[in-house]
Protein backbone atom coordinates (compact mmCIF):
# COMPACT_ATOMS: atom_id res chain seq x y z
CA MET A 1 154.39 138.84 -2.86
CA SER A 2 156.95 137.12 -5.03
CA VAL A 3 158.78 134.12 -3.54
CA ASP A 4 162.10 132.61 -4.56
CA SER A 5 162.21 129.21 -6.26
CA GLN A 6 163.22 127.30 -3.11
CA THR A 7 160.36 128.81 -1.12
CA GLN A 8 158.00 127.95 -3.98
CA LYS A 9 159.15 124.30 -3.81
CA ILE A 10 158.41 124.33 -0.08
CA ILE A 11 154.97 125.87 -0.71
CA ASP A 12 154.25 123.22 -3.35
CA GLU A 13 155.14 120.37 -0.98
CA LEU A 14 153.21 121.95 1.89
CA THR A 15 150.21 122.11 -0.44
CA VAL A 16 150.57 118.38 -1.18
CA ALA A 17 150.60 117.71 2.58
CA TYR A 18 147.61 120.04 3.08
CA PHE A 19 145.50 118.09 0.59
CA MET A 20 146.69 114.76 2.06
CA GLU A 21 145.44 115.86 5.48
CA LEU A 22 142.06 116.98 4.09
CA GLU A 23 141.60 113.72 2.17
CA THR A 24 142.43 111.80 5.35
CA VAL A 25 139.74 113.76 7.20
CA MET A 26 137.16 112.78 4.56
CA ASN A 27 138.10 109.12 4.66
CA TYR A 28 138.33 108.96 8.47
CA ILE A 29 134.82 110.42 8.72
CA ALA A 30 133.47 107.95 6.15
CA ASN A 31 135.09 104.94 7.80
CA SER A 32 134.19 106.03 11.33
CA VAL A 33 130.53 106.11 10.29
CA ASN A 34 130.38 103.20 7.82
CA LEU A 35 132.08 100.44 9.83
CA ASP A 36 129.77 97.97 11.58
CA GLY A 37 130.17 95.35 14.27
CA VAL A 38 131.34 95.04 17.84
CA ARG A 39 134.98 94.70 16.77
CA ALA A 40 134.73 97.95 14.81
CA GLU A 41 133.83 100.18 17.76
CA GLU A 42 137.39 100.90 18.96
CA ILE A 43 138.54 101.69 15.40
CA LYS A 44 135.54 103.94 14.80
CA LYS A 45 136.23 105.85 18.03
CA SER A 46 139.91 106.28 17.16
CA LEU A 47 139.17 107.48 13.62
CA SER A 48 136.50 109.87 14.85
CA ALA A 49 138.85 111.34 17.46
CA ASP A 50 141.64 111.72 14.89
CA VAL A 51 139.49 113.79 12.52
CA ALA A 52 140.07 116.90 14.65
CA ALA A 53 143.82 116.27 14.78
CA GLU A 54 144.11 115.80 11.02
CA LEU A 55 141.96 118.87 10.36
CA GLY A 56 144.19 120.81 12.75
CA HIS A 57 147.21 119.70 10.73
CA ALA A 58 145.57 120.99 7.54
CA GLN A 59 144.86 124.33 9.21
CA GLN A 60 148.45 124.65 10.43
CA LEU A 61 149.76 123.84 6.95
CA ALA A 62 147.41 126.40 5.38
CA ASP A 63 148.57 129.07 7.82
CA ARG A 64 152.21 128.30 7.05
CA ILE A 65 151.63 128.33 3.28
CA LYS A 66 150.06 131.79 3.57
CA THR A 67 152.77 133.05 5.94
CA ILE A 68 155.60 132.20 3.54
CA GLY A 69 153.90 133.78 0.54
CA GLY A 70 151.71 131.06 -0.92
CA LYS A 71 148.00 130.86 -1.64
CA ILE A 72 145.72 128.15 -0.30
CA PRO A 73 144.03 126.37 -3.20
CA GLY A 74 140.33 125.58 -3.27
CA SER A 75 138.65 122.23 -3.77
CA LEU A 76 138.89 122.31 -7.57
CA SER A 77 142.66 121.85 -7.24
CA PHE A 78 142.18 118.70 -5.14
CA LYS A 79 143.05 115.33 -6.71
CA PRO A 80 142.18 112.34 -4.48
CA SER A 81 144.72 109.52 -4.13
CA GLN A 82 143.94 107.46 -1.01
CA THR A 83 142.63 104.35 -2.76
CA THR A 84 143.34 102.00 0.16
CA LEU A 85 141.52 104.19 2.68
CA GLN A 86 138.22 104.13 0.81
CA PRO A 87 135.34 102.59 2.77
CA PRO A 88 135.34 98.84 2.09
CA ALA A 89 132.45 97.10 0.31
CA ALA A 90 131.80 95.03 3.45
CA SER A 91 131.07 97.33 6.38
CA THR A 92 132.58 94.75 8.76
CA ASP A 93 135.96 94.68 6.95
CA VAL A 94 137.79 96.47 9.73
CA THR A 95 141.20 95.04 8.78
CA SER A 96 141.22 96.75 5.38
CA VAL A 97 140.45 100.09 7.05
CA ILE A 98 143.28 99.59 9.54
CA LYS A 99 145.68 98.77 6.70
CA GLY A 100 144.45 101.81 4.78
CA VAL A 101 145.13 104.06 7.78
CA ILE A 102 148.65 102.65 8.12
CA GLU A 103 149.35 103.26 4.43
CA ALA A 104 147.99 106.82 4.61
CA GLU A 105 150.15 107.50 7.68
CA ASP A 106 153.21 106.02 5.91
CA LYS A 107 152.63 108.42 3.02
CA ALA A 108 152.11 111.37 5.36
CA CYS A 109 155.36 110.53 7.19
CA ALA A 110 157.21 110.33 3.87
CA GLN A 111 155.78 113.70 2.80
CA TYR A 112 156.76 115.40 6.06
CA ASN A 113 160.26 113.90 5.86
CA LYS A 114 160.53 115.28 2.32
CA ILE A 115 159.55 118.77 3.49
CA ILE A 116 161.89 118.60 6.50
CA LYS A 117 164.83 117.87 4.17
CA LEU A 118 163.72 120.55 1.70
CA CYS A 119 163.62 123.16 4.49
CA ASP A 120 167.00 122.30 6.00
CA GLY A 121 169.11 125.42 6.27
CA ILE A 122 166.41 127.51 4.56
CA ASP A 123 163.16 127.63 6.56
CA TYR A 124 163.49 126.43 10.15
CA VAL A 125 159.96 127.43 11.16
CA THR A 126 158.37 125.28 8.46
CA GLN A 127 160.85 122.54 9.27
CA ASP A 128 159.89 122.66 12.95
CA LEU A 129 156.18 122.52 12.10
CA CYS A 130 156.74 119.47 9.90
CA VAL A 131 158.84 117.74 12.58
CA THR A 132 155.92 118.18 14.99
CA LEU A 133 153.36 116.94 12.44
CA LEU A 134 155.61 113.99 11.59
CA GLY A 135 155.66 113.00 15.26
CA ASP A 136 151.85 113.10 15.37
CA GLU A 137 151.58 110.91 12.26
CA GLU A 138 154.15 108.41 13.59
CA GLN A 139 152.18 108.09 16.83
CA HIS A 140 148.92 107.52 14.99
CA ARG A 141 150.56 104.94 12.70
CA ARG A 142 151.96 103.10 15.74
CA GLU A 143 148.48 102.97 17.29
CA PHE A 144 147.02 101.42 14.14
CA ARG A 145 149.89 98.97 13.79
CA GLY A 146 148.91 97.81 17.28
CA PHE A 147 145.31 97.42 16.17
CA LEU A 148 146.48 95.41 13.15
CA MET A 149 148.50 93.03 15.34
CA GLU A 150 145.38 92.37 17.44
CA TYR A 151 143.17 91.84 14.40
CA GLU A 152 145.65 89.50 12.69
CA LYS A 153 145.86 87.39 15.87
CA ALA A 154 142.08 86.99 16.05
């Protein structure tokens, strides 16, 4: 199935978002397991619970890519970029994980906003999907901003 150039741009940006979600899943799993300490428990629980949501986002993006004529790339096409969400050297450095989550959510929000604008007047279904995913990411970012306020007070 051949797609027009505007649809291909949308597919390309959806693919970026797809890989961002999968990378987030990897880093959330790593941090939810690696963090230590009493203060880390709430963060670990939140990250662990969010793995399913982020994986669900990736699945929805993959379905949409396929629906509009794209092909879902395999792992060899993946290029990691979440440097600030890598597990910290000190397993008790909860603050750096919280900041990494906020940065990853900022980038996800920016990516979804980019797709929403790209789809305007062209692909309302993809636009609607990305509006929904943007809302999820904004909520998660707000939760971690709250965690950061608590940690910076302590």
